[in-house]
């Protein structure tokens, strides 16, 4: 890709080789001697000035004009005209044009001005600038860009997706890795930022309002921001002032900001929790906020034989004794956020344990198959997790039928902890039901506690491609 011929490049070129003027052998183009070179330069000057007047708004100097490019006495195919600063360009550039040789009826040719001019002409290597009148480029080759409409103050706006918004002379941050903020909805990924006074192309050029600068933020993903949601918000914060971004309409948002734009933060809010990304280096300001979203652990534990089992009372099946059993199963899931419980504390994740149980009895057994039946209640007591050597008591949540998962028990655990040990007691208690019993002398009440112990919940690291 060719680079534009900037003011600095032209200045360096001219200062090294100078401008070649009158004298010397006749000039040659494609092996043919040229005549009326001075008139050809006057004609292209006039054509270029007309093209500038009819084209995109631009700034030119009184000393802006066209030049031949020559090597010894041979004229290159393209002339250069300028300097010129077009609206929508970030630097002063030069235009180029291809000559059209025309036979003049003798053994010489003249150069006809071209029909069009191309912005951003690159100087041809090993050539000099030439005018027969010895006029030189202006001493100051950097021209101001024409005035552009000022953007609305405090109001972010999005650039068209197809527009290349780079600002070469602006302060830019384009690190090797994107800056990431996550919410329960998805991911916001920032690939780079720029600070400038103007943005946009010629068709939508805007300049920053007075006492502000443009902060342009480039995104590769915006799934974590839901503008239509009442729990999702995104803004830029500079000092005590915030600039809400209320839409998501492309890949690059421009925010006119007051104060030091180098200190700007991108703030992603979800259901009351703020997360800030430094736009200077694209790092998260507080890595303990919503930390579960950034965990590298799987959401469900590894398979383990300890997560299900059967507990029995009176395994010997003796008469004149209670008998019964409990079958249990344990499922678990790590969550960064829950719609009902909202966010866990900083540095923590939710761990939801679902304990399903199925019981037989207890009932009283006597000889000759007589039995005592009881009206029973079941209660889960002391549901505890041991994590990193500490015991955490759970909070009972929803009770679903066993087919759908059983009793939910919620814990807050350190987000980086990969293993937990679950224990719980299941107490069965009730009064004798004479109308349903055949036993002659059953106890009036029954109470038994099944002890579920050492259920291993170990979470593996996520696969690297996740």
Protein backbone atom coordinates (compact mmCIF):
# COMPACT_ATOMS: atom_id res chain seq x y z
CA UNK A 1 0.00 0.00 0.00
CA UNK A 2 1.43 3.41 -0.95
CA UNK A 3 1.78 6.03 1.72
CA UNK A 4 0.60 9.58 1.22
CA UNK A 5 3.27 12.13 0.44
CA UNK A 6 3.13 14.20 3.61
CA UNK A 7 4.40 17.69 4.21
CA UNK A 8 7.34 16.31 6.15
CA UNK A 9 8.25 13.96 3.31
CA UNK A 10 8.14 16.75 0.72
CA UNK A 11 10.18 19.04 2.95
CA UNK A 12 12.86 16.40 3.34
CA UNK A 13 12.88 15.71 -0.37
CA UNK A 14 13.17 19.36 -1.36
CA UNK A 15 15.82 20.15 1.23
CA UNK A 16 18.01 17.34 -0.05
CA UNK A 17 17.79 17.76 -3.81
CA UNK A 18 16.58 21.34 -4.27
CA UNK A 19 14.50 22.48 -7.23
CA UNK A 20 16.06 22.35 -10.67
CA UNK A 21 15.41 25.46 -12.77
CA UNK A 22 16.32 26.76 -16.23
CA UNK A 23 19.31 25.73 -18.27
CA UNK A 24 20.77 22.42 -19.37
CA UNK A 25 19.87 20.17 -22.27
CA UNK A 26 16.32 19.86 -23.64
CA UNK A 27 13.93 17.71 -21.64
CA UNK A 28 12.87 14.32 -22.97
CA UNK A 29 9.68 12.31 -22.37
CA UNK A 30 9.49 8.69 -23.56
CA UNK A 31 12.53 9.34 -25.77
CA UNK A 32 10.96 12.38 -27.47
CA UNK A 33 12.24 15.92 -27.04
CA UNK A 34 9.75 18.24 -25.38
CA UNK A 35 8.85 21.76 -26.35
CA UNK A 36 6.84 24.48 -24.60
CA UNK A 37 7.49 23.03 -21.16
CA UNK A 38 6.78 26.37 -19.50
CA UNK A 39 3.39 26.59 -21.20
CA UNK A 40 2.64 23.00 -20.19
CA UNK A 41 3.31 23.89 -16.52
CA UNK A 42 1.06 26.94 -16.76
CA UNK A 43 -1.71 24.79 -18.26
CA UNK A 44 -1.46 22.11 -15.55
CA UNK A 45 -1.37 24.78 -12.84
CA UNK A 46 -4.63 26.18 -14.16
CA UNK A 47 -6.21 22.73 -14.53
CA UNK A 48 -5.19 21.76 -10.99
CA UNK A 49 -6.54 24.95 -9.42
CA UNK A 50 -9.85 24.39 -11.22
CA UNK A 51 -9.94 20.78 -9.99
CA UNK A 52 -9.30 21.96 -6.43
CA UNK A 53 -12.06 24.57 -6.69
CA UNK A 54 -14.54 21.97 -7.96
CA UNK A 55 -13.50 19.13 -5.63
CA UNK A 56 -13.44 18.31 -1.94
CA UNK A 57 -12.97 21.32 0.31
CA UNK A 58 -9.24 21.93 0.72
CA UNK A 59 -6.64 24.42 1.92
CA UNK A 60 -3.87 25.51 -0.47
CA UNK A 61 -1.08 28.06 -0.18
CA UNK A 62 -0.48 30.99 -2.52
CA UNK A 63 2.71 29.11 -3.37
CA UNK A 64 0.97 25.79 -4.07
CA UNK A 65 1.62 24.78 -7.69
CA UNK A 66 2.64 21.90 -9.95
CA UNK A 67 6.10 20.46 -10.70
CA UNK A 68 7.66 18.08 -13.16
CA UNK A 69 9.66 15.19 -11.79
CA UNK A 70 12.88 14.72 -13.76
CA UNK A 71 15.91 12.48 -13.68
CA UNK A 72 18.79 14.20 -15.47
CA UNK A 73 16.90 15.46 -18.55
CA UNK A 74 14.15 12.78 -18.60
CA UNK A 75 10.65 13.69 -17.44
CA UNK A 76 8.79 11.16 -15.29
CA UNK A 77 5.25 10.18 -16.17
CA UNK A 78 3.61 11.92 -13.20
CA UNK A 79 3.60 15.55 -12.14
CA UNK A 80 3.02 16.60 -8.51
CA UNK A 81 0.89 19.55 -7.40
CA UNK A 82 0.67 21.06 -3.95
CA UNK A 83 0.96 21.28 -1.05
CA UNK A 84 -2.74 20.80 -0.26
CA UNK A 85 -4.71 19.79 2.83
CA UNK A 86 -8.07 18.19 2.06
CA UNK A 87 -11.01 18.17 4.42
CA UNK A 88 -11.05 14.71 5.98
CA UNK A 89 -7.29 14.16 5.69
CA UNK A 90 -5.13 14.24 8.77
CA UNK A 91 -2.04 15.62 7.03
CA UNK A 92 -0.96 17.94 4.25
CA UNK A 93 -0.46 15.96 1.03
CA UNK A 94 0.29 16.46 -2.67
CA UNK A 95 -1.72 15.55 -5.76
CA UNK A 96 -0.40 13.67 -8.75
CA UNK A 97 -1.31 13.59 -12.43
CA UNK A 98 -0.20 11.55 -15.42
CA UNK A 99 1.01 13.54 -18.45
CA UNK A 100 -0.45 13.06 -21.91
CA UNK A 101 2.23 13.70 -24.61
CA UNK A 102 0.97 15.37 -27.79
CA UNK A 103 2.94 15.67 -31.07
CA UNK A 104 3.31 19.33 -32.00
CA UNK A 105 3.89 18.82 -35.76
CA UNK A 106 7.65 18.94 -35.57
CA UNK A 107 10.11 16.44 -34.15
CA UNK A 108 9.10 17.41 -30.62
CA UNK A 109 6.22 16.80 -28.29
CA UNK A 110 4.39 18.96 -25.79
CA UNK A 111 2.78 17.77 -22.56
CA UNK A 112 -0.97 18.06 -22.31
CA UNK A 113 -2.50 18.61 -18.85
CA UNK A 114 -4.28 15.51 -17.48
CA UNK A 115 -8.02 15.18 -17.09
CA UNK A 116 -7.85 14.28 -13.37
CA UNK A 117 -5.62 14.52 -10.31
CA UNK A 118 -4.96 11.84 -7.70
CA UNK A 119 -4.53 12.85 -4.04
CA UNK A 120 -1.65 11.41 -2.06
CA UNK A 121 0.89 11.22 -4.89
CA UNK A 122 4.13 9.50 -3.97
CA UNK A 123 7.35 11.02 -5.27
CA UNK A 124 9.09 8.89 -7.85
CA UNK A 125 12.47 7.65 -6.66
CA UNK A 126 15.65 9.27 -8.02
CA UNK A 127 13.90 12.31 -9.47
CA UNK A 128 14.04 16.08 -8.87
CA UNK A 129 11.29 18.68 -8.83
CA UNK A 130 11.47 21.04 -11.82
CA UNK A 131 9.86 24.27 -13.00
CA UNK A 132 11.36 26.43 -15.73
CA UNK A 133 10.39 29.59 -13.77
CA UNK A 134 12.49 28.53 -10.73
CA UNK A 135 9.51 28.78 -8.34
CA UNK A 136 9.90 26.59 -5.27
CA UNK A 137 7.47 24.98 -2.81
CA UNK A 138 6.53 27.15 0.17
CA UNK A 139 8.84 27.17 3.16
CA UNK A 140 6.04 25.95 5.45
CA UNK A 141 4.66 22.78 3.90
CA UNK A 142 2.16 22.03 6.69
CA UNK A 143 -1.24 23.56 5.89
CA UNK A 144 -4.25 23.73 8.16
CA UNK A 145 -7.20 21.50 7.39
CA UNK A 146 -10.33 23.43 6.35
CA UNK A 147 -12.88 24.10 9.06
CA UNK A 148 -15.33 21.28 9.82
CA UNK A 149 -18.61 21.30 11.76
CA UNK A 150 -18.17 20.98 15.52
CA UNK A 151 -19.66 17.87 17.12
CA UNK A 152 -22.36 18.20 19.75
CA UNK A 153 -20.87 18.59 23.20
CA UNK A 154 -21.10 15.66 25.64
CA UNK A 155 -22.72 13.45 22.99
CA UNK A 156 -20.94 10.28 21.79
CA UNK A 157 -21.48 9.22 18.18
CA UNK A 158 -20.55 6.19 16.07
CA UNK A 159 -18.43 6.23 12.93
CA UNK A 160 -19.58 4.28 9.86
CA UNK A 161 -18.25 0.72 9.91
CA UNK A 162 -16.57 1.06 6.51
CA UNK A 163 -14.69 4.21 7.47
CA UNK A 164 -11.04 3.92 8.43
CA UNK A 165 -10.88 6.21 11.45
CA UNK A 166 -7.14 6.17 12.15
CA UNK A 167 -5.52 9.44 13.20
CA UNK A 168 -1.75 9.08 12.57
CA UNK A 169 -0.73 12.19 14.51
CA UNK A 170 -3.08 11.50 17.42
CA UNK A 171 -2.26 9.72 20.65
CA UNK A 172 -3.09 6.09 19.93
CA UNK A 173 -3.23 2.90 22.00
CA UNK A 174 -3.20 -0.34 20.02
CA UNK A 175 -1.85 -3.09 22.31
CA UNK A 176 -1.19 -6.68 21.35
CA UNK A 177 -4.21 -7.91 23.30
CA UNK A 178 -7.66 -6.31 23.44
CA UNK A 179 -9.10 -4.90 26.63
CA UNK A 180 -11.95 -7.11 27.85
CA UNK A 181 -14.98 -6.39 30.02
CA UNK A 182 -17.60 -9.09 30.53
CA UNK A 183 -21.20 -9.06 31.66
CA UNK A 184 -23.79 -11.85 31.96
CA UNK A 185 -24.90 -10.85 28.45
CA UNK A 186 -21.52 -11.31 26.78
CA UNK A 187 -18.23 -9.51 26.10
CA UNK A 188 -17.09 -5.99 25.31
CA UNK A 189 -13.69 -6.08 23.58
CA UNK A 190 -11.66 -2.90 22.93
CA UNK A 191 -8.88 -3.18 20.35
CA UNK A 192 -7.53 0.36 20.55
CA UNK A 193 -8.19 4.02 21.24
CA UNK A 194 -7.22 7.36 19.75
CA UNK A 195 -7.23 10.95 20.99
CA UNK A 196 -7.61 13.62 18.31
CA UNK A 197 -9.16 16.95 17.44
CA UNK A 198 -11.01 15.69 14.35
CA UNK A 199 -12.58 12.49 13.09
CA UNK A 200 -14.37 11.22 10.01
CA UNK A 201 -13.82 11.48 6.30
CA UNK A 202 -14.61 14.34 3.97
CA UNK A 203 -18.33 13.48 3.96
CA UNK A 204 -18.74 13.41 7.76
CA UNK A 205 -15.75 15.29 9.13
CA UNK A 206 -16.28 16.78 12.59
CA UNK A 207 -14.04 18.70 14.91
CA UNK A 208 -14.13 18.52 18.68
CA UNK A 209 -16.20 21.14 20.52
CA UNK A 210 -14.31 23.90 22.31
CA UNK A 211 -12.22 22.74 25.30
CA UNK A 212 -12.68 19.07 24.40
CA UNK A 213 -10.87 16.30 22.56
CA UNK A 214 -12.24 13.36 20.67
CA UNK A 215 -11.67 9.99 22.30
CA UNK A 216 -12.28 7.26 19.71
CA UNK A 217 -12.74 3.71 21.00
CA UNK A 218 -12.52 0.77 18.60
CA UNK A 219 -14.43 -2.42 19.46
CA UNK A 220 -14.17 -5.92 18.07
CA UNK A 221 -17.12 -7.21 20.13
CA UNK A 222 -20.06 -5.54 21.88
CA UNK A 223 -22.26 -8.45 22.98
CA UNK A 224 -21.77 -7.52 26.64
CA UNK A 225 -23.61 -4.22 26.21
CA UNK A 226 -27.37 -4.28 25.68
CA UNK A 227 -28.62 -0.72 25.05
CA UNK A 228 -32.27 -1.78 25.18
CA UNK A 229 -31.89 -3.49 28.56
CA UNK A 230 -32.78 -1.73 31.81
CA UNK A 231 -29.89 -3.47 33.61
CA UNK A 232 -27.13 -2.77 31.08
CA UNK A 233 -25.25 0.50 30.53
CA UNK A 234 -21.95 1.72 29.12
CA UNK A 235 -20.19 5.06 29.51
CA UNK A 236 -16.83 6.82 29.38
CA UNK A 237 -15.66 8.38 32.64
CA UNK A 238 -13.07 11.16 32.86
CA UNK A 239 -12.56 12.39 36.40
CA UNK A 240 -15.96 13.06 37.95
CA UNK A 241 -17.76 13.34 34.61
CA UNK A 242 -19.36 10.48 32.70
CA UNK A 243 -20.49 10.34 29.08
CA UNK A 244 -23.24 7.72 28.59
CA UNK A 245 -23.05 5.65 25.41
CA UNK A 246 -26.69 4.88 24.74
CA UNK A 247 -26.50 3.02 21.42
CA UNK A 248 -24.32 0.40 19.73
CA UNK A 249 -24.22 1.24 16.03
CA UNK A 250 -20.86 0.14 14.71
CA UNK A 251 -17.28 -0.64 15.67
CA UNK A 252 -15.90 2.80 16.63
CA UNK A 253 -17.51 5.28 19.00
CA UNK A 254 -16.29 8.86 19.32
CA UNK A 255 -16.70 10.66 22.65
CA UNK A 256 -15.98 14.41 23.01
CA UNK A 257 -14.39 14.60 26.46
CA UNK A 258 -13.22 17.39 28.72
CA UNK A 259 -10.19 17.09 30.96
CA UNK A 260 -7.33 14.64 30.55
CA UNK A 261 -8.43 12.06 27.99
CA UNK A 262 -5.41 9.93 28.90
CA UNK A 263 -7.15 9.08 32.20
CA UNK A 264 -10.44 8.01 30.59
CA UNK A 265 -12.17 4.82 31.69
CA UNK A 266 -14.70 2.70 29.82
CA UNK A 267 -17.40 1.78 32.35
CA UNK A 268 -19.62 -1.26 31.79
CA UNK A 269 -22.54 -1.54 34.20
CA UNK A 270 -24.77 -4.56 34.62
CA UNK A 271 -27.48 -4.79 37.27
CA UNK A 272 -25.84 -2.23 39.54
CA UNK A 273 -22.22 -3.45 39.27
CA UNK A 274 -19.66 -1.18 37.56
CA UNK A 275 -16.56 -2.50 35.85
CA UNK A 276 -13.93 -0.05 34.59
CA UNK A 277 -11.37 -0.50 31.82
CA UNK A 278 -8.44 1.89 31.60
CA UNK A 279 -8.37 3.23 28.06
CA UNK A 280 -4.70 4.15 28.47
CA UNK A 281 -3.49 0.54 28.64
CA UNK A 282 -6.72 -1.50 28.25
CA UNK A 283 -6.52 -3.18 31.66
CA UNK A 284 -9.32 -3.74 34.18
CA UNK A 285 -9.13 -1.38 37.13
CA UNK A 286 -10.52 -3.87 39.69
CA UNK A 287 -9.94 -7.52 38.91
CA UNK A 288 -12.07 -8.64 41.86
CA UNK A 289 -15.29 -7.19 40.38
CA UNK A 290 -17.42 -9.80 38.58
CA UNK A 291 -14.39 -12.05 38.86
CA UNK A 292 -16.40 -15.19 38.19
CA UNK A 293 -16.95 -14.04 34.61
CA UNK A 294 -13.20 -14.20 34.04
CA UNK A 295 -12.65 -17.55 35.78
CA UNK A 296 -10.77 -20.25 33.89
CA UNK A 297 -12.67 -23.01 35.70
CA UNK A 298 -15.43 -25.14 34.24
CA UNK A 299 -18.92 -24.32 35.48
CA UNK A 300 -19.72 -27.94 36.43
CA UNK A 301 -17.56 -30.29 38.52
CA UNK A 302 -15.76 -33.38 37.38
CA UNK A 303 -17.52 -36.70 37.66
CA UNK A 304 -17.10 -38.25 41.11
CA UNK A 305 -18.52 -41.38 42.75
CA UNK A 306 -18.96 -39.39 45.95
CA UNK A 307 -21.71 -37.27 44.37
CA UNK A 308 -24.33 -40.03 44.78
CA UNK A 309 -24.99 -42.86 47.17
CA UNK A 310 -27.34 -44.69 49.53
CA UNK A 311 -27.45 -44.49 53.34
CA UNK A 312 -29.24 -47.19 55.38
CA UNK A 313 -30.53 -47.48 58.94
CA UNK A 314 -30.79 -50.94 60.55
CA UNK A 315 -28.83 -52.63 57.81
CA UNK A 316 -29.17 -55.96 59.71
CA UNK A 317 -32.95 -55.79 59.25
CA UNK A 318 -33.62 -56.84 62.83
CA UNK A 319 -37.16 -56.99 64.18
CA UNK A 320 -38.46 -54.50 66.74
CA UNK A 321 -36.35 -51.76 65.19
CA UNK A 322 -36.62 -48.94 62.73
CA UNK A 323 -35.51 -49.43 59.13
CA UNK A 324 -35.18 -47.12 56.17
CA UNK A 325 -32.82 -45.70 53.60
CA UNK A 326 -31.94 -42.51 51.79
CA UNK A 327 -30.63 -42.25 48.24
CA UNK A 328 -28.98 -38.95 47.32
CA UNK A 329 -27.45 -37.18 44.35
CA UNK A 330 -25.47 -33.94 44.26
CA UNK A 331 -25.10 -31.56 41.34
CA UNK A 332 -23.20 -28.29 41.40
CA UNK A 333 -22.73 -25.23 39.22
CA UNK A 334 -20.44 -22.19 39.48
CA UNK A 335 -22.10 -18.88 38.59
CA UNK A 336 -20.67 -15.38 38.31
CA UNK A 337 -24.14 -13.82 38.60
CA UNK A 338 -27.66 -14.93 39.43
CA UNK A 339 -30.72 -12.97 38.39
CA UNK A 340 -32.37 -13.43 41.78
CA UNK A 341 -29.33 -13.18 44.06
CA UNK A 342 -27.52 -10.65 41.88
CA UNK A 343 -23.73 -10.37 42.25
CA UNK A 344 -21.63 -12.17 44.86
CA UNK A 345 -19.08 -10.23 46.89
CA UNK A 346 -15.89 -8.99 45.24
CA UNK A 347 -13.52 -11.84 44.47
CA UNK A 348 -16.24 -14.47 44.92
CA UNK A 349 -18.41 -16.70 42.75
CA UNK A 350 -21.72 -18.33 43.44
CA UNK A 351 -21.64 -22.08 43.90
CA UNK A 352 -25.11 -23.61 43.63
CA UNK A 353 -25.43 -27.14 45.01
CA UNK A 354 -28.57 -29.10 44.13
CA UNK A 355 -29.22 -31.96 46.55
CA UNK A 356 -31.83 -34.50 45.47
CA UNK A 357 -32.95 -37.15 47.96
CA UNK A 358 -35.31 -40.11 47.91
CA UNK A 359 -36.26 -41.91 51.12
CA UNK A 360 -37.82 -45.17 52.20
CA UNK A 361 -39.16 -45.00 55.75
CA UNK A 362 -38.21 -44.83 58.48
CA UNK A 363 -40.77 -47.36 59.66
CA UNK A 364 -41.03 -49.67 62.63
CA UNK A 365 -40.63 -53.39 62.00
CA UNK A 366 -41.95 -56.18 64.17
CA UNK A 367 -42.05 -59.95 63.82
CA UNK A 368 -44.58 -61.49 61.46
CA UNK A 369 -44.14 -58.54 59.09
CA UNK A 370 -46.03 -56.16 61.28
CA UNK A 371 -44.98 -52.56 60.76
CA UNK A 372 -45.51 -49.09 62.16
CA UNK A 373 -45.98 -46.24 59.72
CA UNK A 374 -45.18 -42.59 60.52
CA UNK A 375 -46.21 -39.20 59.19
CA UNK A 376 -42.75 -37.94 58.21
CA UNK A 377 -41.06 -34.64 57.48
CA UNK A 378 -37.69 -34.21 55.82
CA UNK A 379 -35.29 -31.37 56.60
CA UNK A 380 -31.84 -30.58 55.29
CA UNK A 381 -29.60 -29.34 58.08
CA UNK A 382 -26.06 -27.94 58.28
CA UNK A 383 -25.35 -27.92 54.54
CA UNK A 384 -21.64 -27.02 54.58
CA UNK A 385 -18.83 -26.56 52.10
CA UNK A 386 -15.23 -26.82 53.07
CA UNK A 387 -13.16 -24.59 50.76
CA UNK A 388 -9.47 -23.83 51.25
CA UNK A 389 -9.67 -25.25 54.78
CA UNK A 390 -12.64 -23.08 55.81
CA UNK A 391 -16.24 -24.12 56.42
CA UNK A 392 -18.95 -22.13 54.63
CA UNK A 393 -22.60 -22.50 55.59
CA UNK A 394 -25.03 -22.54 52.70
CA UNK A 395 -28.29 -20.70 52.22
CA UNK A 396 -31.29 -22.80 51.20
CA UNK A 397 -32.84 -21.73 47.92
CA UNK A 398 -35.61 -23.10 45.75
CA UNK A 399 -36.96 -26.57 46.38
CA UNK A 400 -37.63 -28.42 43.17
CA UNK A 401 -38.90 -31.96 42.81
CA UNK A 402 -36.16 -34.54 42.72
CA UNK A 403 -36.50 -35.07 38.99
CA UNK A 404 -35.66 -31.37 38.39
CA UNK A 405 -32.83 -31.15 40.87
CA UNK A 406 -34.08 -31.19 44.47
CA UNK A 407 -33.06 -28.65 47.09
CA UNK A 408 -30.89 -25.73 45.93
CA UNK A 409 -28.21 -24.59 48.37
CA UNK A 410 -26.23 -21.43 47.62
CA UNK A 411 -22.69 -20.54 48.65
CA UNK A 412 -20.24 -17.75 47.95
CA UNK A 413 -16.79 -19.20 47.34
CA UNK A 414 -13.46 -17.68 46.25
CA UNK A 415 -13.55 -17.50 42.48
CA UNK A 416 -10.09 -19.02 42.13
CA UNK A 417 -10.82 -22.07 44.35
CA UNK A 418 -11.17 -25.17 42.23
CA UNK A 419 -12.29 -27.66 44.88
CA UNK A 420 -14.90 -27.89 47.62
CA UNK A 421 -16.11 -30.68 49.93
CA UNK A 422 -19.85 -30.83 50.58
CA UNK A 423 -21.57 -32.26 53.67
CA UNK A 424 -25.17 -32.14 54.88
CA UNK A 425 -27.54 -33.82 57.32
CA UNK A 426 -30.98 -35.00 56.25
CA UNK A 427 -33.28 -35.38 59.25
CA UNK A 428 -36.39 -37.56 59.02
CA UNK A 429 -38.89 -37.12 61.84
CA UNK A 430 -42.58 -37.82 62.51
CA UNK A 431 -45.39 -39.25 64.65
CA UNK A 432 -46.90 -42.69 64.51
CA UNK A 433 -49.97 -43.16 62.28
CA UNK A 434 -52.09 -45.83 64.02
CA UNK A 435 -54.66 -46.02 61.24
CA UNK A 436 -51.96 -47.07 58.77
CA UNK A 437 -50.01 -49.43 61.02
CA UNK A 438 -50.18 -53.11 61.90
CA UNK A 439 -47.51 -53.02 64.60
CA UNK A 440 -48.65 -53.79 68.15
CA UNK A 441 -46.18 -51.67 70.12
CA UNK A 442 -44.45 -49.10 67.90
CA UNK A 443 -42.73 -46.00 69.37
CA UNK A 444 -44.89 -42.87 69.29
CA UNK A 445 -42.32 -40.87 67.30
CA UNK A 446 -39.28 -41.39 65.16
CA UNK A 447 -36.26 -39.21 64.35
CA UNK A 448 -33.24 -40.18 62.32
CA UNK A 449 -30.43 -38.17 60.71
CA UNK A 450 -28.74 -39.37 57.54
CA UNK A 451 -25.22 -37.93 57.31
CA UNK A 452 -24.03 -37.12 53.78
CA UNK A 453 -20.29 -36.68 53.97
CA UNK A 454 -17.24 -35.89 51.83
CA UNK A 455 -18.91 -35.15 48.51
CA UNK A 456 -16.02 -33.99 46.31
CA UNK A 457 -16.75 -31.04 44.00
CA UNK A 458 -13.69 -30.43 41.86
CA UNK A 459 -13.76 -28.04 38.89
CA UNK A 460 -11.32 -28.58 36.06
CA UNK A 461 -9.62 -25.73 34.13
CA UNK A 462 -11.42 -24.76 30.97
CA UNK A 463 -10.03 -25.93 27.66
CA UNK A 464 -7.72 -23.28 26.14
CA UNK A 465 -9.92 -22.78 23.07
CA UNK A 466 -12.93 -21.75 25.16
